Structure formats: structure tokens, C-alpha cells
Amino acid sequence: MFDSTRLLLFLSAALLLAVAAGPGMLYVLARSLAGGKREGVLSALGTFLGGMVHVFAAALGVSVILARSAVAFSTVKYVGAAYLCFLGVRMIFDARKPEAFSQDDLDATPSVGARNPLWQGVATEVLNPKTALFFLSFIPQFVHREAGHVFLQFVLLGTVSVVLNTSADLIVILLSGPLGKRIRSSAAFRRRQRTLTGAIMIGLGTYLATSESR
């Protein structure tokens, strides 16, 4: 069903993107530091469920288009590749801003009060439009249209991506002592991570846009 080369590329890119400290990971870390590992795990489970909502929503809408129209398939791929490059450039420029990753930004994570961490995690992820845009641009690049079962391919790839993200969150929770403090307190560490992730996304988008369309 999947092209082996692109599947390997997908797994490599998804893994590297999963370990980058983004808003979801910082949210889970904030819950873990404030309420302990149990709250962190529940929050990670919530963001997982929220991510799966985006996966199925995108799969339902995109799979119909991709399965029926070769032109639409190519359009989605090229637009998605361009969007990945755009995200990468923006991440690099944002990382270079002196005000990026200020303590005020970190403290602006959703309230870690008495709300149920599971459902707050779901809401935090579901209500994030950037997550939807990411799946709409990232996953179609690796769907093998000629193999059929476009919806199933989309869901499987999306699920792998969400599982990797959640696994990275769980590792951060388990190491929330020293690693959590480093991620949360070191702006330089996050800038380097964000710059590397941005470069990866630019390279990925460029490769996908210039490689043979499948």
C-alpha cells in the first residue's frame, strides 16, 4: 500500500518533528510540573484524542478529493509542500527573534487549575487550527494514490504521527525533572530545536515538491 522510500521518509520526518518542543509538548509539560505525572499523562492522552479528531476530519474531507481527481491530488501535494516550506522558514525566523520563547509566552499556556486535564487536553488540541493545517499539508505528501484505500492510508499515517507526538510527550513527562526544566527554562535550547525543525521542514517540503508525484 505504501511506497517504501516515502514511508521511511515519513517515519524519519514524523519522528524528528515529534521530538521538537512545540505548544502541545509545552502544555503537557506545564500540566505535569503543576499537577504531577498523573495530570501530565492525562493531558497527553487528551492531546492524542484531539489529534485523532484532526486526523479523521482531514481524512474524510481530503480522501474523497484525492481518490477521484489526479489534478486535485497534485494540487494538494504542491500546496502542502509549499506550506511545509513556509512553516519551516517562519520557525527559523521566529527562533531568531530576541523576544521569542520569553517566560511570559511559556506562562501563557492554558490554565493548569482544577479543570479535568484529559478533556482540557482534547479541547486544547481540537481548537488549534495549526494542527489541522499541518495534517492537511503533511500527510497527503505520503499517500500513494494509485494503491487505493486513500482514506485508510491517511488515517494510518496520521495515527502514526499522533502516536509519535504522544510518545515524545510521555517521555518528557517521565523526565519532567531535569529535561522538563531544561525545555521550559532554556530559551537557547528551544531556539536551536526550532531552527533545526524549521530546516527539516524546508528540506522535506522541497524534496516532496521536486520529486516525482505519486
N, C-alpha and C. Protein backbone atom coordinates (compact mmCIF):
# COMPACT_ATOMS: atom_id res chain seq x y z
N MET A 1 0.82 -1.21 0.00
CA MET A 1 0.00 0.00 0.00
C MET A 1 0.86 1.26 0.00
N PHE A 2 1.96 1.24 0.76
CA PHE A 2 2.81 2.41 0.87
C PHE A 2 4.09 2.22 0.06
N ASP A 3 4.58 3.30 -0.51
CA ASP A 3 5.88 3.29 -1.14
C ASP A 3 6.95 3.24 -0.05
N SER A 4 7.86 2.27 -0.13
CA SER A 4 8.81 2.04 0.97
C SER A 4 9.72 3.24 1.21
N THR A 5 10.17 3.89 0.13
CA THR A 5 11.06 5.04 0.29
C THR A 5 10.36 6.18 0.99
N ARG A 6 9.14 6.46 0.55
CA ARG A 6 8.41 7.57 1.16
C ARG A 6 7.94 7.23 2.57
N LEU A 7 7.68 5.96 2.81
CA LEU A 7 7.30 5.57 4.16
C LEU A 7 8.46 5.79 5.12
N LEU A 8 9.67 5.44 4.70
CA LEU A 8 10.84 5.67 5.54
C LEU A 8 11.05 7.17 5.76
N LEU A 9 10.86 7.95 4.71
CA LEU A 9 10.99 9.41 4.83
C LEU A 9 9.95 9.96 5.79
N PHE A 10 8.73 9.45 5.67
CA PHE A 10 7.66 9.89 6.56
C PHE A 10 8.00 9.59 8.02
N LEU A 11 8.44 8.36 8.30
CA LEU A 11 8.75 7.98 9.68
C LEU A 11 9.89 8.84 10.23
N SER A 12 10.90 9.11 9.40
CA SER A 12 12.02 9.93 9.87
C SER A 12 11.57 11.35 10.17
N ALA A 13 10.79 11.93 9.24
CA ALA A 13 10.33 13.31 9.44
C ALA A 13 9.37 13.40 10.62
N ALA A 14 8.45 12.44 10.73
CA ALA A 14 7.47 12.47 11.82
C ALA A 14 8.16 12.33 13.17
N LEU A 15 9.20 11.50 13.23
CA LEU A 15 9.92 11.32 14.48
C LEU A 15 10.66 12.59 14.88
N LEU A 16 11.33 13.21 13.91
CA LEU A 16 12.07 14.44 14.21
C LEU A 16 11.13 15.57 14.61
N LEU A 17 9.98 15.65 13.94
CA LEU A 17 9.01 16.68 14.30
C LEU A 17 8.38 16.41 15.66
N ALA A 18 8.25 15.14 16.02
CA ALA A 18 7.63 14.79 17.30
C ALA A 18 8.47 15.23 18.48
N VAL A 19 9.80 15.17 18.33
CA VAL A 19 10.67 15.48 19.47
C VAL A 19 10.92 16.98 19.61
N ALA A 20 10.47 17.77 18.63
CA ALA A 20 10.63 19.21 18.74
C ALA A 20 9.65 19.75 19.78
N ALA A 21 10.13 20.64 20.63
CA ALA A 21 9.31 21.17 21.71
C ALA A 21 8.33 22.21 21.16
N GLY A 22 7.10 21.76 20.86
CA GLY A 22 6.08 22.67 20.36
C GLY A 22 5.07 23.01 21.43
N PRO A 23 4.00 23.74 21.07
CA PRO A 23 2.99 24.15 22.05
C PRO A 23 2.34 22.98 22.77
N GLY A 24 2.08 21.89 22.05
CA GLY A 24 1.45 20.73 22.69
C GLY A 24 2.33 20.13 23.76
N MET A 25 3.62 19.97 23.45
CA MET A 25 4.54 19.41 24.43
C MET A 25 4.69 20.33 25.64
N LEU A 26 4.76 21.64 25.38
CA LEU A 26 4.90 22.59 26.49
C LEU A 26 3.65 22.59 27.37
N TYR A 27 2.48 22.41 26.74
CA TYR A 27 1.23 22.33 27.52
C TYR A 27 1.25 21.11 28.43
N VAL A 28 1.60 19.95 27.87
CA VAL A 28 1.66 18.72 28.67
C VAL A 28 2.70 18.86 29.78
N LEU A 29 3.83 19.47 29.46
CA LEU A 29 4.88 19.67 30.46
C LEU A 29 4.39 20.57 31.58
N ALA A 30 3.66 21.63 31.22
CA ALA A 30 3.14 22.55 32.23
C ALA A 30 2.19 21.82 33.18
N ARG A 31 1.31 20.97 32.63
CA ARG A 31 0.40 20.20 33.47
C ARG A 31 1.16 19.24 34.36
N SER A 32 2.20 18.64 33.83
CA SER A 32 2.97 17.68 34.61
C SER A 32 3.72 18.35 35.75
N LEU A 33 4.31 19.51 35.47
CA LEU A 33 5.06 20.22 36.50
C LEU A 33 4.13 20.77 37.58
N ALA A 34 2.91 21.15 37.18
CA ALA A 34 1.98 21.74 38.14
C ALA A 34 1.21 20.70 38.95
N GLY A 35 0.84 19.59 38.29
CA GLY A 35 -0.03 18.64 38.97
C GLY A 35 0.52 17.24 39.10
N GLY A 36 1.76 17.03 38.69
CA GLY A 36 2.34 15.70 38.81
C GLY A 36 2.22 14.90 37.53
N LYS A 37 2.83 13.72 37.53
CA LYS A 37 2.88 12.91 36.32
C LYS A 37 1.49 12.41 35.89
N ARG A 38 0.60 12.17 36.88
CA ARG A 38 -0.74 11.70 36.51
C ARG A 38 -1.46 12.73 35.64
N GLU A 39 -1.41 14.00 36.03
CA GLU A 39 -2.03 15.04 35.22
C GLU A 39 -1.35 15.15 33.87
N GLY A 40 -0.03 14.98 33.85
CA GLY A 40 0.69 15.05 32.59
C GLY A 40 0.25 13.95 31.63
N VAL A 41 0.11 12.72 32.16
CA VAL A 41 -0.29 11.60 31.31
C VAL A 41 -1.71 11.81 30.79
N LEU A 42 -2.62 12.27 31.65
CA LEU A 42 -3.99 12.53 31.21
C LEU A 42 -4.03 13.63 30.15
N SER A 43 -3.20 14.64 30.32
CA SER A 43 -3.13 15.71 29.33
C SER A 43 -2.60 15.19 28.00
N ALA A 44 -1.58 14.33 28.06
CA ALA A 44 -1.02 13.75 26.84
C ALA A 44 -2.06 12.88 26.13
N LEU A 45 -2.84 12.14 26.91
CA LEU A 45 -3.91 11.33 26.33
C LEU A 45 -4.96 12.23 25.69
N GLY A 46 -5.24 13.36 26.32
CA GLY A 46 -6.19 14.31 25.75
C GLY A 46 -5.71 14.89 24.43
N THR A 47 -4.44 15.28 24.37
CA THR A 47 -3.91 15.82 23.11
C THR A 47 -3.87 14.74 22.03
N PHE A 48 -3.67 13.48 22.45
CA PHE A 48 -3.72 12.37 21.49
C PHE A 48 -5.11 12.25 20.87
N LEU A 49 -6.13 12.27 21.73
CA LEU A 49 -7.51 12.17 21.23
C LEU A 49 -7.85 13.37 20.35
N GLY A 50 -7.41 14.55 20.76
CA GLY A 50 -7.65 15.74 19.95
C GLY A 50 -6.95 15.65 18.60
N GLY A 51 -5.73 15.12 18.59
CA GLY A 51 -5.02 14.95 17.33
C GLY A 51 -5.73 13.97 16.40
N MET A 52 -6.30 12.91 16.98
CA MET A 52 -7.02 11.93 16.16
C MET A 52 -8.29 12.53 15.56
N VAL A 53 -8.90 13.47 16.27
CA VAL A 53 -10.06 14.17 15.69
C VAL A 53 -9.65 14.88 14.40
N HIS A 54 -8.49 15.56 14.44
CA HIS A 54 -8.00 16.23 13.25
C HIS A 54 -7.67 15.24 12.14
N VAL A 55 -7.09 14.10 12.51
CA VAL A 55 -6.73 13.10 11.50
C VAL A 55 -7.97 12.61 10.76
N PHE A 56 -9.01 12.23 11.49
CA PHE A 56 -10.21 11.71 10.85
C PHE A 56 -10.95 12.80 10.08
N ALA A 57 -10.97 14.00 10.61
CA ALA A 57 -11.64 15.10 9.90
C ALA A 57 -10.95 15.39 8.58
N ALA A 58 -9.62 15.44 8.61
CA ALA A 58 -8.87 15.70 7.38
C ALA A 58 -9.01 14.54 6.41
N ALA A 59 -8.97 13.30 6.93
CA ALA A 59 -9.08 12.13 6.06
C ALA A 59 -10.43 12.08 5.36
N LEU A 60 -11.49 12.42 6.08
CA LEU A 60 -12.83 12.38 5.48
C LEU A 60 -12.97 13.38 4.35
N GLY A 61 -12.40 14.56 4.55
CA GLY A 61 -12.52 15.59 3.52
C GLY A 61 -11.56 15.41 2.37
N VAL A 62 -10.31 15.12 2.69
CA VAL A 62 -9.26 15.06 1.67
C VAL A 62 -9.33 13.78 0.85
N SER A 63 -9.65 12.66 1.50
CA SER A 63 -9.58 11.38 0.80
C SER A 63 -10.51 11.33 -0.40
N VAL A 64 -11.69 11.94 -0.28
CA VAL A 64 -12.63 11.95 -1.40
C VAL A 64 -12.04 12.68 -2.60
N ILE A 65 -11.41 13.82 -2.33
CA ILE A 65 -10.81 14.62 -3.40
C ILE A 65 -9.63 13.88 -4.02
N LEU A 66 -8.76 13.35 -3.16
CA LEU A 66 -7.55 12.70 -3.65
C LEU A 66 -7.87 11.43 -4.43
N ALA A 67 -8.91 10.73 -4.03
CA ALA A 67 -9.24 9.47 -4.68
C ALA A 67 -9.86 9.67 -6.06
N ARG A 68 -10.51 10.80 -6.29
CA ARG A 68 -11.28 10.99 -7.52
C ARG A 68 -10.60 11.85 -8.56
N SER A 69 -9.64 12.66 -8.16
CA SER A 69 -9.07 13.62 -9.10
C SER A 69 -7.55 13.64 -9.00
N ALA A 70 -6.89 13.29 -10.10
CA ALA A 70 -5.44 13.33 -10.14
C ALA A 70 -4.94 14.78 -10.05
N VAL A 71 -5.67 15.70 -10.68
CA VAL A 71 -5.29 17.11 -10.64
C VAL A 71 -5.37 17.64 -9.21
N ALA A 72 -6.47 17.31 -8.52
CA ALA A 72 -6.63 17.75 -7.14
C ALA A 72 -5.53 17.13 -6.26
N PHE A 73 -5.20 15.88 -6.53
CA PHE A 73 -4.15 15.21 -5.77
C PHE A 73 -2.83 15.97 -5.91
N SER A 74 -2.46 16.30 -7.15
CA SER A 74 -1.21 17.03 -7.37
C SER A 74 -1.26 18.42 -6.74
N THR A 75 -2.42 19.06 -6.83
CA THR A 75 -2.55 20.40 -6.25
C THR A 75 -2.35 20.37 -4.74
N VAL A 76 -3.00 19.40 -4.09
CA VAL A 76 -2.86 19.27 -2.64
C VAL A 76 -1.41 19.03 -2.26
N LYS A 77 -0.71 18.20 -3.04
CA LYS A 77 0.68 17.88 -2.73
C LYS A 77 1.57 19.12 -2.87
N TYR A 78 1.40 19.87 -3.96
CA TYR A 78 2.26 21.03 -4.18
C TYR A 78 1.96 22.14 -3.17
N VAL A 79 0.68 22.38 -2.92
CA VAL A 79 0.32 23.40 -1.93
C VAL A 79 0.81 22.98 -0.55
N GLY A 80 0.66 21.70 -0.23
CA GLY A 80 1.13 21.21 1.06
C GLY A 80 2.63 21.32 1.21
N ALA A 81 3.38 20.99 0.15
CA ALA A 81 4.83 21.10 0.19
C ALA A 81 5.25 22.55 0.39
N ALA A 82 4.57 23.47 -0.31
CA ALA A 82 4.87 24.90 -0.16
C ALA A 82 4.57 25.36 1.27
N TYR A 83 3.47 24.84 1.83
CA TYR A 83 3.12 25.23 3.20
C TYR A 83 4.16 24.72 4.20
N LEU A 84 4.69 23.52 3.99
CA LEU A 84 5.73 23.00 4.87
C LEU A 84 6.97 23.88 4.81
N CYS A 85 7.35 24.30 3.60
CA CYS A 85 8.49 25.20 3.46
C CYS A 85 8.23 26.53 4.17
N PHE A 86 7.01 27.05 4.01
CA PHE A 86 6.64 28.30 4.67
C PHE A 86 6.73 28.17 6.18
N LEU A 87 6.21 27.06 6.72
CA LEU A 87 6.30 26.84 8.17
C LEU A 87 7.75 26.77 8.62
N GLY A 88 8.58 26.08 7.84
CA GLY A 88 9.99 25.97 8.21
C GLY A 88 10.68 27.31 8.25
N VAL A 89 10.45 28.14 7.22
CA VAL A 89 11.06 29.48 7.19
C VAL A 89 10.57 30.31 8.36
N ARG A 90 9.28 30.26 8.64
CA ARG A 90 8.73 31.05 9.75
C ARG A 90 9.29 30.59 11.09
N MET A 91 9.46 29.27 11.26
CA MET A 91 10.02 28.76 12.51
C MET A 91 11.44 29.26 12.71
N ILE A 92 12.23 29.29 11.64
CA ILE A 92 13.62 29.75 11.74
C ILE A 92 13.67 31.23 12.08
N PHE A 93 12.85 32.04 11.40
CA PHE A 93 12.84 33.47 11.68
C PHE A 93 12.31 33.75 13.09
N ASP A 94 11.27 33.03 13.51
CA ASP A 94 10.73 33.23 14.86
C ASP A 94 11.77 32.87 15.92
N ALA A 95 12.54 31.82 15.65
CA ALA A 95 13.56 31.41 16.62
C ALA A 95 14.65 32.45 16.79
N ARG A 96 14.85 33.27 15.77
CA ARG A 96 15.91 34.29 15.83
C ARG A 96 15.45 35.59 16.48
N LYS A 97 14.14 35.73 16.70
CA LYS A 97 13.65 36.94 17.33
C LYS A 97 14.07 36.97 18.79
N PRO A 98 14.56 38.12 19.27
CA PRO A 98 15.02 38.18 20.67
C PRO A 98 13.92 37.95 21.68
N GLU A 99 12.66 38.27 21.29
CA GLU A 99 11.55 38.10 22.23
C GLU A 99 10.95 36.71 22.17
N ALA A 100 11.44 35.85 21.24
CA ALA A 100 10.86 34.52 21.10
C ALA A 100 11.09 33.69 22.35
N PHE A 101 10.10 32.90 22.71
CA PHE A 101 10.19 32.00 23.84
C PHE A 101 10.48 32.72 25.16
N SER A 102 9.88 33.88 25.33
CA SER A 102 10.03 34.58 26.59
C SER A 102 9.30 33.82 27.68
N GLN A 103 9.61 34.11 28.92
CA GLN A 103 8.95 33.44 30.03
C GLN A 103 7.46 33.75 30.04
N ASP A 104 7.11 34.96 29.56
CA ASP A 104 5.68 35.30 29.51
C ASP A 104 4.94 34.37 28.56
N ASP A 105 5.59 34.02 27.43
CA ASP A 105 4.96 33.10 26.48
C ASP A 105 4.76 31.73 27.10
N LEU A 106 5.74 31.28 27.84
CA LEU A 106 5.64 29.97 28.46
C LEU A 106 4.58 29.96 29.53
N ASP A 107 4.47 31.06 30.26
CA ASP A 107 3.48 31.14 31.32
C ASP A 107 2.07 31.31 30.76
N ALA A 108 1.97 31.55 29.45
CA ALA A 108 0.66 31.77 28.83
C ALA A 108 0.01 30.48 28.39
N THR A 109 0.59 29.34 28.78
CA THR A 109 -0.04 28.06 28.46
C THR A 109 -1.38 27.98 29.18
N PRO A 110 -2.32 27.15 28.67
CA PRO A 110 -3.64 27.08 29.29
C PRO A 110 -3.57 26.83 30.79
N SER A 111 -4.53 27.37 31.50
CA SER A 111 -4.56 27.26 32.94
C SER A 111 -4.42 25.81 33.40
N VAL A 112 -3.61 25.61 34.42
CA VAL A 112 -3.41 24.26 34.95
C VAL A 112 -4.12 24.13 36.28
N GLY A 113 -5.29 24.72 36.37
CA GLY A 113 -6.05 24.68 37.61
C GLY A 113 -6.81 23.39 37.78
N ALA A 114 -8.05 23.51 38.20
CA ALA A 114 -8.80 22.33 38.60
C ALA A 114 -9.52 21.64 37.44
N ARG A 115 -9.39 22.15 36.22
CA ARG A 115 -10.08 21.54 35.10
C ARG A 115 -9.57 20.12 34.87
N ASN A 116 -10.46 19.29 34.34
CA ASN A 116 -10.08 17.93 34.02
C ASN A 116 -8.97 17.95 32.97
N PRO A 117 -7.79 17.42 33.27
CA PRO A 117 -6.66 17.51 32.33
C PRO A 117 -6.90 16.75 31.04
N LEU A 118 -7.69 15.65 31.10
CA LEU A 118 -7.96 14.89 29.89
C LEU A 118 -8.76 15.71 28.89
N TRP A 119 -9.90 16.25 29.34
CA TRP A 119 -10.77 16.99 28.42
C TRP A 119 -10.18 18.33 28.05
N GLN A 120 -9.39 18.92 28.94
CA GLN A 120 -8.73 20.16 28.57
C GLN A 120 -7.68 19.90 27.50
N GLY A 121 -7.02 18.74 27.60
CA GLY A 121 -6.06 18.37 26.56
C GLY A 121 -6.74 18.17 25.23
N VAL A 122 -7.91 17.52 25.23
CA VAL A 122 -8.66 17.32 24.00
C VAL A 122 -9.03 18.67 23.40
N ALA A 123 -9.57 19.56 24.22
CA ALA A 123 -10.00 20.87 23.73
C ALA A 123 -8.83 21.69 23.22
N THR A 124 -7.70 21.63 23.93
CA THR A 124 -6.52 22.39 23.52
C THR A 124 -6.08 21.98 22.12
N GLU A 125 -6.10 20.68 21.84
CA GLU A 125 -5.64 20.20 20.54
C GLU A 125 -6.69 20.40 19.45
N VAL A 126 -7.95 20.09 19.75
CA VAL A 126 -9.01 20.21 18.75
C VAL A 126 -9.18 21.65 18.29
N LEU A 127 -9.04 22.60 19.22
CA LEU A 127 -9.27 24.01 18.91
C LEU A 127 -8.05 24.70 18.33
N ASN A 128 -6.99 23.93 18.04
CA ASN A 128 -5.77 24.50 17.46
C ASN A 128 -5.81 24.35 15.94
N PRO A 129 -6.09 25.43 15.20
CA PRO A 129 -6.19 25.30 13.73
C PRO A 129 -4.87 24.93 13.07
N LYS A 130 -3.75 25.23 13.73
CA LYS A 130 -2.46 24.90 13.14
C LYS A 130 -2.28 23.39 13.02
N THR A 131 -2.88 22.64 13.94
CA THR A 131 -2.80 21.18 13.86
C THR A 131 -3.52 20.68 12.63
N ALA A 132 -4.69 21.23 12.36
CA ALA A 132 -5.45 20.83 11.17
C ALA A 132 -4.68 21.16 9.90
N LEU A 133 -4.11 22.36 9.83
CA LEU A 133 -3.35 22.75 8.65
C LEU A 133 -2.13 21.86 8.47
N PHE A 134 -1.51 21.46 9.57
CA PHE A 134 -0.32 20.61 9.46
C PHE A 134 -0.68 19.26 8.86
N PHE A 135 -1.74 18.64 9.35
CA PHE A 135 -2.13 17.35 8.82
C PHE A 135 -2.54 17.45 7.35
N LEU A 136 -3.23 18.53 7.00
CA LEU A 136 -3.67 18.71 5.62
C LEU A 136 -2.50 18.91 4.67
N SER A 137 -1.37 19.42 5.17
CA SER A 137 -0.21 19.65 4.31
C SER A 137 0.79 18.51 4.37
N PHE A 138 0.89 17.85 5.51
CA PHE A 138 1.94 16.85 5.73
C PHE A 138 1.54 15.47 5.24
N ILE A 139 0.40 14.98 5.67
CA ILE A 139 0.02 13.59 5.38
C ILE A 139 -0.18 13.31 3.89
N PRO A 140 -0.87 14.19 3.12
CA PRO A 140 -1.09 13.85 1.71
C PRO A 140 0.19 13.64 0.91
N GLN A 141 1.33 14.17 1.39
CA GLN A 141 2.58 14.00 0.66
C GLN A 141 3.00 12.54 0.56
N PHE A 142 2.50 11.73 1.48
CA PHE A 142 2.96 10.35 1.56
C PHE A 142 1.87 9.34 1.19
N VAL A 143 0.72 9.83 0.76
CA VAL A 143 -0.36 8.94 0.34
C VAL A 143 -0.08 8.46 -1.08
N HIS A 144 -0.12 7.17 -1.28
CA HIS A 144 0.10 6.57 -2.60
C HIS A 144 -1.25 6.39 -3.27
N ARG A 145 -1.62 7.34 -4.10
CA ARG A 145 -2.97 7.38 -4.67
C ARG A 145 -3.27 6.14 -5.50
N GLU A 146 -2.29 5.69 -6.30
CA GLU A 146 -2.53 4.56 -7.19
C GLU A 146 -2.77 3.27 -6.43
N ALA A 147 -2.35 3.20 -5.18
CA ALA A 147 -2.54 1.98 -4.40
C ALA A 147 -3.96 1.85 -3.86
N GLY A 148 -4.74 2.93 -3.97
CA GLY A 148 -6.11 2.89 -3.46
C GLY A 148 -6.17 3.04 -1.95
N HIS A 149 -7.38 2.89 -1.41
CA HIS A 149 -7.60 2.98 0.04
C HIS A 149 -7.01 4.28 0.61
N VAL A 150 -7.31 5.40 -0.06
CA VAL A 150 -6.72 6.69 0.33
C VAL A 150 -7.10 7.05 1.76
N PHE A 151 -8.37 6.85 2.11
CA PHE A 151 -8.81 7.18 3.47
C PHE A 151 -8.03 6.37 4.50
N LEU A 152 -7.87 5.06 4.26
CA LEU A 152 -7.15 4.20 5.20
C LEU A 152 -5.69 4.61 5.30
N GLN A 153 -5.07 4.93 4.16
CA GLN A 153 -3.68 5.37 4.19
C GLN A 153 -3.54 6.64 5.03
N PHE A 154 -4.45 7.59 4.80
CA PHE A 154 -4.40 8.86 5.52
C PHE A 154 -4.52 8.62 7.02
N VAL A 155 -5.49 7.80 7.42
CA VAL A 155 -5.72 7.54 8.84
C VAL A 155 -4.51 6.83 9.46
N LEU A 156 -3.95 5.85 8.77
CA LEU A 156 -2.81 5.12 9.31
C LEU A 156 -1.60 6.04 9.50
N LEU A 157 -1.29 6.84 8.49
CA LEU A 157 -0.16 7.76 8.60
C LEU A 157 -0.41 8.81 9.68
N GLY A 158 -1.62 9.34 9.72
CA GLY A 158 -1.95 10.32 10.75
C GLY A 158 -1.85 9.74 12.14
N THR A 159 -2.31 8.51 12.29
CA THR A 159 -2.25 7.85 13.60
C THR A 159 -0.81 7.65 14.04
N VAL A 160 0.05 7.24 13.11
CA VAL A 160 1.47 7.07 13.44
C VAL A 160 2.06 8.40 13.91
N SER A 161 1.73 9.48 13.21
CA SER A 161 2.25 10.79 13.58
C SER A 161 1.79 11.20 14.97
N VAL A 162 0.50 11.01 15.26
CA VAL A 162 -0.04 11.38 16.57
C VAL A 162 0.56 10.51 17.67
N VAL A 163 0.73 9.21 17.40
CA VAL A 163 1.33 8.31 18.39
C VAL A 163 2.76 8.73 18.70
N LEU A 164 3.52 9.11 17.69
CA LEU A 164 4.89 9.57 17.92
C LEU A 164 4.91 10.84 18.76
N ASN A 165 4.00 11.77 18.45
CA ASN A 165 3.91 13.00 19.24
C ASN A 165 3.60 12.69 20.70
N THR A 166 2.63 11.80 20.92
CA THR A 166 2.24 11.45 22.28
C THR A 166 3.37 10.71 23.00
N SER A 167 4.08 9.85 22.28
CA SER A 167 5.21 9.14 22.89
C SER A 167 6.27 10.12 23.36
N ALA A 168 6.55 11.14 22.53
CA ALA A 168 7.52 12.17 22.94
C ALA A 168 7.03 12.92 24.17
N ASP A 169 5.72 13.21 24.22
CA ASP A 169 5.16 13.88 25.39
C ASP A 169 5.33 13.02 26.65
N LEU A 170 5.08 11.72 26.51
CA LEU A 170 5.20 10.82 27.67
C LEU A 170 6.64 10.74 28.16
N ILE A 171 7.59 10.76 27.25
CA ILE A 171 9.00 10.74 27.65
C ILE A 171 9.34 12.00 28.42
N VAL A 172 8.81 13.15 27.93
CA VAL A 172 9.05 14.41 28.64
C VAL A 172 8.44 14.37 30.04
N ILE A 173 7.27 13.75 30.15
CA ILE A 173 6.63 13.63 31.46
C ILE A 173 7.48 12.79 32.41
N LEU A 174 7.96 11.66 31.91
CA LEU A 174 8.78 10.78 32.75
C LEU A 174 10.07 11.46 33.18
N LEU A 175 10.58 12.33 32.31
CA LEU A 175 11.82 13.05 32.62
C LEU A 175 11.53 14.51 32.95
N SER A 176 10.35 14.76 33.50
CA SER A 176 9.91 16.13 33.73
C SER A 176 10.77 16.88 34.73
N GLY A 177 11.61 16.18 35.48
CA GLY A 177 12.52 16.86 36.39
C GLY A 177 13.57 17.63 35.61
N PRO A 178 14.70 17.00 35.28
CA PRO A 178 15.78 17.74 34.62
C PRO A 178 15.45 18.15 33.18
N LEU A 179 14.87 17.24 32.39
CA LEU A 179 14.58 17.57 30.99
C LEU A 179 13.49 18.61 30.91
N GLY A 180 12.46 18.47 31.73
CA GLY A 180 11.37 19.43 31.71
C GLY A 180 11.84 20.83 32.05
N LYS A 181 12.68 20.94 33.07
CA LYS A 181 13.19 22.26 33.45
C LYS A 181 14.04 22.85 32.34
N ARG A 182 14.79 21.98 31.63
CA ARG A 182 15.65 22.49 30.55
C ARG A 182 14.80 23.02 29.39
N ILE A 183 13.76 22.26 29.02
CA ILE A 183 12.89 22.68 27.92
C ILE A 183 12.17 23.97 28.28
N ARG A 184 11.72 24.05 29.53
CA ARG A 184 10.90 25.19 29.95
C ARG A 184 11.72 26.44 30.24
N SER A 185 12.97 26.28 30.69
CA SER A 185 13.74 27.43 31.14
C SER A 185 14.79 27.90 30.15
N SER A 186 15.21 27.05 29.22
CA SER A 186 16.30 27.41 28.32
C SER A 186 15.76 27.88 26.98
N ALA A 187 15.76 29.19 26.78
CA ALA A 187 15.31 29.74 25.50
C ALA A 187 16.26 29.34 24.38
N ALA A 188 17.55 29.28 24.68
CA ALA A 188 18.54 28.92 23.66
C ALA A 188 18.31 27.49 23.18
N PHE A 189 17.99 26.59 24.12
CA PHE A 189 17.73 25.19 23.76
C PHE A 189 16.54 25.10 22.82
N ARG A 190 15.46 25.82 23.12
CA ARG A 190 14.27 25.78 22.29
C ARG A 190 14.51 26.44 20.94
N ARG A 191 15.32 27.51 20.92
CA ARG A 191 15.64 28.15 19.65
C ARG A 191 16.38 27.20 18.72
N ARG A 192 17.36 26.48 19.28
CA ARG A 192 18.11 25.52 18.46
C ARG A 192 17.19 24.42 17.95
N GLN A 193 16.31 23.93 18.82
CA GLN A 193 15.36 22.91 18.40
C GLN A 193 14.46 23.42 17.28
N ARG A 194 13.96 24.63 17.44
CA ARG A 194 13.02 25.19 16.47
C ARG A 194 13.72 25.46 15.14
N THR A 195 14.96 25.93 15.21
CA THR A 195 15.72 26.17 13.98
C THR A 195 15.97 24.88 13.23
N LEU A 196 16.36 23.82 13.96
CA LEU A 196 16.60 22.52 13.32
C LEU A 196 15.32 21.97 12.71
N THR A 197 14.22 22.08 13.45
CA THR A 197 12.94 21.58 12.93
C THR A 197 12.52 22.37 11.70
N GLY A 198 12.72 23.69 11.72
CA GLY A 198 12.39 24.51 10.55
C GLY A 198 13.19 24.10 9.33
N ALA A 199 14.49 23.84 9.52
CA ALA A 199 15.33 23.41 8.40
C ALA A 199 14.86 22.07 7.86
N ILE A 200 14.45 21.17 8.75
CA ILE A 200 13.95 19.86 8.33
C ILE A 200 12.68 20.02 7.49
N MET A 201 11.79 20.90 7.91
CA MET A 201 10.53 21.09 7.18
C MET A 201 10.77 21.71 5.81
N ILE A 202 11.74 22.64 5.72
CA ILE A 202 12.07 23.23 4.42
C ILE A 202 12.63 22.15 3.49
N GLY A 203 13.55 21.34 4.02
CA GLY A 203 14.12 20.27 3.21
C GLY A 203 13.08 19.27 2.77
N LEU A 204 12.18 18.93 3.69
CA LEU A 204 11.12 17.97 3.38
C LEU A 204 10.19 18.52 2.30
N GLY A 205 9.74 19.77 2.49
CA GLY A 205 8.85 20.37 1.51
C GLY A 205 9.49 20.49 0.15
N THR A 206 10.77 20.87 0.10
CA THR A 206 11.48 20.99 -1.17
C THR A 206 11.60 19.65 -1.87
N TYR A 207 11.96 18.62 -1.11
CA TYR A 207 12.10 17.29 -1.69
C TYR A 207 10.78 16.79 -2.26
N LEU A 208 9.71 16.96 -1.47
CA LEU A 208 8.41 16.47 -1.91
C LEU A 208 7.88 17.22 -3.12
N ALA A 209 8.20 18.53 -3.21
CA ALA A 209 7.72 19.33 -4.33
C ALA A 209 8.48 19.00 -5.62
N THR A 210 9.75 18.60 -5.50
CA THR A 210 10.56 18.36 -6.69
C THR A 210 10.63 16.89 -7.08
N SER A 211 10.21 16.00 -6.18
CA SER A 211 10.25 14.58 -6.51
C SER A 211 9.07 14.21 -7.38
N GLU A 212 9.14 13.05 -7.96
CA GLU A 212 8.08 12.59 -8.86
C GLU A 212 6.78 12.42 -8.09
N SER A 213 5.71 12.99 -8.59
CA SER A 213 4.40 12.85 -7.94
C SER A 213 3.91 11.43 -8.08
N ARG A 214 3.30 10.92 -6.97
CA ARG A 214 2.79 9.54 -6.97
C ARG A 214 1.28 9.57 -6.96
